[in-house]
Amino acid sequence: MVNLGVLLAETGRAEEAESLFHTAVDAGNSDAMSNLGVLLAETGRAEEAEASFRQAADAGHSNAMVNLGILLAKVGRAEEAKASIRRAADGGHTDAVNLGILG
């Protein structure tokens, strides 16, 4: 279901993708939580994206931690961004330290 949602999002069918992601999120799928966050961020819904990334991050999804950090950095919340990126890096996300957010 998540992979289909990604495919739909990549082909411009964002509403359908969002619906699939929500179904998977309701089932507790952290990949769907993270992908929903990406979709929401790409469509200008930063507050909703933040909530979705936080939900995935709280479930241990390291890519969501990184994406949350990037989102927070973009909206000027540098300290929170650093904390999220550091959490991902501490959890073994190898690209987290290469983003330049940790300073």
N, C-alpha and C. Protein backbone atom coordinates (compact mmCIF):
# COMPACT_ATOMS: atom_id res chain seq x y z
N MET A 1 0.81 -1.19 0.00
CA MET A 1 0.00 0.00 0.00
C MET A 1 0.87 1.26 0.00
N VAL A 2 1.93 1.26 0.80
CA VAL A 2 2.80 2.43 0.87
C VAL A 2 3.50 2.66 -0.46
N ASN A 3 3.99 1.59 -1.08
CA ASN A 3 4.67 1.74 -2.36
C ASN A 3 3.72 2.29 -3.42
N LEU A 4 2.48 1.85 -3.41
CA LEU A 4 1.50 2.38 -4.35
C LEU A 4 1.27 3.86 -4.08
N GLY A 5 1.22 4.23 -2.83
CA GLY A 5 1.07 5.64 -2.47
C GLY A 5 2.22 6.48 -3.00
N VAL A 6 3.43 5.96 -2.88
CA VAL A 6 4.60 6.68 -3.40
C VAL A 6 4.48 6.83 -4.91
N LEU A 7 4.11 5.76 -5.59
CA LEU A 7 3.95 5.80 -7.04
C LEU A 7 2.88 6.82 -7.44
N LEU A 8 1.77 6.81 -6.75
CA LEU A 8 0.72 7.77 -7.05
C LEU A 8 1.20 9.21 -6.84
N ALA A 9 1.92 9.44 -5.76
CA ALA A 9 2.44 10.77 -5.48
C ALA A 9 3.41 11.21 -6.58
N GLU A 10 4.25 10.29 -7.01
CA GLU A 10 5.24 10.62 -8.04
C GLU A 10 4.61 10.88 -9.40
N THR A 11 3.40 10.40 -9.61
CA THR A 11 2.74 10.60 -10.90
C THR A 11 1.64 11.67 -10.82
N GLY A 12 1.71 12.50 -9.78
CA GLY A 12 0.80 13.62 -9.68
C GLY A 12 -0.57 13.32 -9.12
N ARG A 13 -0.72 12.18 -8.53
CA ARG A 13 -2.03 11.81 -7.97
C ARG A 13 -1.97 11.90 -6.44
N ALA A 14 -1.71 13.11 -5.99
CA ALA A 14 -1.45 13.36 -4.57
C ALA A 14 -2.63 13.01 -3.67
N GLU A 15 -3.84 13.33 -4.10
CA GLU A 15 -5.00 13.04 -3.25
C GLU A 15 -5.17 11.55 -3.02
N GLU A 16 -4.98 10.76 -4.07
CA GLU A 16 -5.08 9.31 -3.93
C GLU A 16 -3.95 8.77 -3.04
N ALA A 17 -2.77 9.31 -3.24
CA ALA A 17 -1.62 8.90 -2.43
C ALA A 17 -1.87 9.20 -0.96
N GLU A 18 -2.37 10.40 -0.70
CA GLU A 18 -2.63 10.79 0.68
C GLU A 18 -3.64 9.85 1.33
N SER A 19 -4.66 9.48 0.60
CA SER A 19 -5.67 8.56 1.13
C SER A 19 -5.05 7.21 1.49
N LEU A 20 -4.21 6.69 0.61
CA LEU A 20 -3.55 5.41 0.90
C LEU A 20 -2.63 5.53 2.10
N PHE A 21 -1.87 6.62 2.15
CA PHE A 21 -0.96 6.82 3.29
C PHE A 21 -1.74 6.87 4.60
N HIS A 22 -2.87 7.58 4.61
CA HIS A 22 -3.67 7.67 5.83
C HIS A 22 -4.16 6.29 6.27
N THR A 23 -4.57 5.47 5.32
CA THR A 23 -5.01 4.11 5.64
C THR A 23 -3.88 3.33 6.28
N ALA A 24 -2.69 3.44 5.71
CA ALA A 24 -1.52 2.72 6.26
C ALA A 24 -1.09 3.30 7.60
N VAL A 25 -1.19 4.62 7.76
CA VAL A 25 -0.86 5.26 9.03
C VAL A 25 -1.79 4.74 10.12
N ASP A 26 -3.07 4.64 9.79
CA ASP A 26 -4.04 4.13 10.76
C ASP A 26 -3.71 2.71 11.21
N ALA A 27 -3.01 1.98 10.35
CA ALA A 27 -2.59 0.62 10.68
C ALA A 27 -1.24 0.60 11.41
N GLY A 28 -0.65 1.79 11.65
CA GLY A 28 0.60 1.88 12.39
C GLY A 28 1.85 1.79 11.56
N ASN A 29 1.77 1.98 10.26
CA ASN A 29 2.92 1.85 9.37
C ASN A 29 3.76 3.13 9.41
N SER A 30 4.97 3.04 9.96
CA SER A 30 5.82 4.23 10.10
C SER A 30 6.36 4.72 8.76
N ASP A 31 6.53 3.83 7.78
CA ASP A 31 6.94 4.28 6.44
C ASP A 31 5.86 5.18 5.85
N ALA A 32 4.61 4.80 6.05
CA ALA A 32 3.50 5.61 5.56
C ALA A 32 3.47 6.96 6.27
N MET A 33 3.74 6.97 7.57
CA MET A 33 3.78 8.22 8.32
C MET A 33 4.82 9.17 7.73
N SER A 34 5.99 8.62 7.44
CA SER A 34 7.07 9.42 6.88
C SER A 34 6.74 9.90 5.47
N ASN A 35 6.23 8.99 4.64
CA ASN A 35 5.87 9.36 3.27
C ASN A 35 4.73 10.37 3.24
N LEU A 36 3.79 10.24 4.16
CA LEU A 36 2.72 11.22 4.25
C LEU A 36 3.31 12.59 4.59
N GLY A 37 4.27 12.61 5.50
CA GLY A 37 4.94 13.86 5.85
C GLY A 37 5.60 14.51 4.64
N VAL A 38 6.26 13.71 3.83
CA VAL A 38 6.90 14.23 2.62
C VAL A 38 5.84 14.83 1.69
N LEU A 39 4.78 14.09 1.47
CA LEU A 39 3.71 14.57 0.59
C LEU A 39 3.11 15.87 1.11
N LEU A 40 2.84 15.92 2.39
CA LEU A 40 2.26 17.12 2.98
C LEU A 40 3.22 18.31 2.88
N ALA A 41 4.50 18.06 3.12
CA ALA A 41 5.50 19.13 3.01
C ALA A 41 5.58 19.64 1.58
N GLU A 42 5.54 18.72 0.63
CA GLU A 42 5.63 19.11 -0.79
C GLU A 42 4.41 19.88 -1.26
N THR A 43 3.30 19.73 -0.57
CA THR A 43 2.09 20.45 -0.96
C THR A 43 1.83 21.66 -0.06
N GLY A 44 2.86 22.09 0.67
CA GLY A 44 2.76 23.32 1.45
C GLY A 44 2.02 23.21 2.77
N ARG A 45 1.87 22.02 3.26
CA ARG A 45 1.13 21.81 4.52
C ARG A 45 2.12 21.45 5.63
N ALA A 46 2.95 22.43 5.96
CA ALA A 46 4.08 22.20 6.86
C ALA A 46 3.66 21.72 8.25
N GLU A 47 2.60 22.29 8.80
CA GLU A 47 2.19 21.89 10.15
C GLU A 47 1.74 20.43 10.18
N GLU A 48 0.99 20.03 9.17
CA GLU A 48 0.55 18.63 9.09
C GLU A 48 1.74 17.71 8.83
N ALA A 49 2.66 18.19 7.99
CA ALA A 49 3.87 17.40 7.70
C ALA A 49 4.67 17.18 8.98
N GLU A 50 4.82 18.24 9.76
CA GLU A 50 5.56 18.13 11.02
C GLU A 50 4.93 17.07 11.92
N ALA A 51 3.63 17.09 12.04
CA ALA A 51 2.94 16.11 12.89
C ALA A 51 3.17 14.69 12.39
N SER A 52 3.13 14.51 11.08
CA SER A 52 3.33 13.18 10.52
C SER A 52 4.77 12.72 10.71
N PHE A 53 5.73 13.61 10.47
CA PHE A 53 7.14 13.27 10.69
C PHE A 53 7.38 12.93 12.17
N ARG A 54 6.78 13.70 13.07
CA ARG A 54 6.97 13.43 14.50
C ARG A 54 6.39 12.06 14.89
N GLN A 55 5.25 11.73 14.33
CA GLN A 55 4.64 10.44 14.62
C GLN A 55 5.57 9.31 14.15
N ALA A 56 6.12 9.44 12.96
CA ALA A 56 7.04 8.42 12.44
C ALA A 56 8.34 8.40 13.24
N ALA A 57 8.84 9.58 13.58
CA ALA A 57 10.08 9.65 14.36
C ALA A 57 9.90 9.00 15.73
N ASP A 58 8.75 9.24 16.33
CA ASP A 58 8.46 8.64 17.63
C ASP A 58 8.38 7.11 17.54
N ALA A 59 8.10 6.62 16.34
CA ALA A 59 8.06 5.17 16.10
C ALA A 59 9.45 4.65 15.73
N GLY A 60 10.47 5.54 15.74
CA GLY A 60 11.84 5.11 15.47
C GLY A 60 12.27 5.22 14.02
N HIS A 61 11.51 5.89 13.18
CA HIS A 61 11.82 5.99 11.75
C HIS A 61 12.89 7.07 11.54
N SER A 62 14.11 6.65 11.23
CA SER A 62 15.22 7.61 11.17
C SER A 62 15.11 8.57 9.99
N ASN A 63 14.57 8.15 8.85
CA ASN A 63 14.39 9.08 7.74
C ASN A 63 13.40 10.18 8.11
N ALA A 64 12.40 9.83 8.88
CA ALA A 64 11.44 10.84 9.34
C ALA A 64 12.11 11.84 10.27
N MET A 65 13.04 11.36 11.09
CA MET A 65 13.78 12.26 11.96
C MET A 65 14.57 13.28 11.14
N VAL A 66 15.20 12.79 10.08
CA VAL A 66 15.96 13.68 9.19
C VAL A 66 15.01 14.65 8.49
N ASN A 67 13.92 14.13 7.94
CA ASN A 67 12.97 15.00 7.23
C ASN A 67 12.36 16.03 8.17
N LEU A 68 12.10 15.64 9.40
CA LEU A 68 11.59 16.58 10.39
C LEU A 68 12.63 17.68 10.63
N GLY A 69 13.88 17.28 10.77
CA GLY A 69 14.94 18.27 10.97
C GLY A 69 15.05 19.24 9.82
N ILE A 70 14.96 18.74 8.60
CA ILE A 70 15.02 19.61 7.43
C ILE A 70 13.84 20.58 7.42
N LEU A 71 12.66 20.06 7.69
CA LEU A 71 11.46 20.91 7.73
C LEU A 71 11.60 22.00 8.79
N LEU A 72 12.04 21.61 9.97
CA LEU A 72 12.19 22.58 11.06
C LEU A 72 13.24 23.63 10.73
N ALA A 73 14.33 23.22 10.09
CA ALA A 73 15.36 24.17 9.69
C ALA A 73 14.81 25.18 8.68
N LYS A 74 13.98 24.71 7.76
CA LYS A 74 13.40 25.59 6.74
C LYS A 74 12.49 26.65 7.33
N VAL A 75 11.87 26.34 8.47
CA VAL A 75 10.95 27.32 9.07
C VAL A 75 11.61 28.07 10.23
N GLY A 76 12.94 27.96 10.32
CA GLY A 76 13.69 28.76 11.28
C GLY A 76 13.75 28.23 12.69
N ARG A 77 13.46 26.97 12.87
CA ARG A 77 13.50 26.37 14.20
C ARG A 77 14.76 25.51 14.33
N ALA A 78 15.90 26.21 14.32
CA ALA A 78 17.22 25.58 14.20
C ALA A 78 17.52 24.61 15.33
N GLU A 79 17.23 24.98 16.54
CA GLU A 79 17.58 24.10 17.67
C GLU A 79 16.79 22.81 17.63
N GLU A 80 15.51 22.91 17.32
CA GLU A 80 14.69 21.70 17.18
C GLU A 80 15.16 20.86 16.00
N ALA A 81 15.56 21.53 14.93
CA ALA A 81 16.07 20.83 13.76
C ALA A 81 17.32 20.04 14.12
N LYS A 82 18.23 20.68 14.83
CA LYS A 82 19.47 20.01 15.24
C LYS A 82 19.18 18.80 16.12
N ALA A 83 18.22 18.95 17.03
CA ALA A 83 17.88 17.84 17.93
C ALA A 83 17.35 16.64 17.14
N SER A 84 16.53 16.90 16.15
CA SER A 84 15.97 15.82 15.35
C SER A 84 17.04 15.14 14.51
N ILE A 85 17.91 15.94 13.90
CA ILE A 85 18.99 15.38 13.09
C ILE A 85 19.96 14.61 13.98
N ARG A 86 20.26 15.15 15.14
CA ARG A 86 21.16 14.46 16.07
C ARG A 86 20.56 13.11 16.50
N ARG A 87 19.27 13.09 16.74
CA ARG A 87 18.60 11.83 17.12
C ARG A 87 18.75 10.79 16.01
N ALA A 88 18.58 11.23 14.77
CA ALA A 88 18.75 10.31 13.63
C ALA A 88 20.20 9.83 13.55
N ALA A 89 21.14 10.76 13.71
CA ALA A 89 22.55 10.39 13.64
C ALA A 89 22.93 9.43 14.77
N ASP A 90 22.42 9.71 15.96
CA ASP A 90 22.70 8.84 17.10
C ASP A 90 22.12 7.45 16.90
N GLY A 91 21.06 7.38 16.10
CA GLY A 91 20.43 6.10 15.81
C GLY A 91 21.07 5.37 14.64
N GLY A 92 22.12 5.97 14.06
CA GLY A 92 22.83 5.30 12.98
C GLY A 92 22.52 5.78 11.58
N HIS A 93 21.73 6.82 11.43
CA HIS A 93 21.43 7.34 10.09
C HIS A 93 22.71 8.00 9.56
N THR A 94 23.33 7.37 8.60
CA THR A 94 24.66 7.79 8.16
C THR A 94 24.67 9.13 7.42
N ASP A 95 23.59 9.52 6.79
CA ASP A 95 23.57 10.78 6.05
C ASP A 95 23.20 11.98 6.91
N ALA A 96 22.70 11.75 8.10
CA ALA A 96 22.20 12.84 8.93
C ALA A 96 23.26 13.91 9.20
N VAL A 97 24.47 13.50 9.46
CA VAL A 97 25.51 14.47 9.78
C VAL A 97 26.00 15.23 8.57
N ASN A 98 25.71 14.76 7.37
CA ASN A 98 26.18 15.41 6.15
C ASN A 98 25.29 16.54 5.68
N LEU A 99 24.22 16.83 6.37
CA LEU A 99 23.26 17.83 5.93
C LEU A 99 23.69 19.26 6.27
N GLY A 100 24.66 19.41 7.16
CA GLY A 100 25.11 20.73 7.53
C GLY A 100 24.21 21.42 8.55
N ILE A 101 23.26 20.72 9.09
CA ILE A 101 22.34 21.33 10.06
C ILE A 101 22.93 21.29 11.46
N LEU A 102 23.74 20.29 11.73
CA LEU A 102 24.29 20.16 13.08
C LEU A 102 25.35 21.22 13.38
N GLY A 103 25.86 21.84 12.34
CA GLY A 103 26.81 22.92 12.54
C GLY A 103 28.13 22.38 12.78
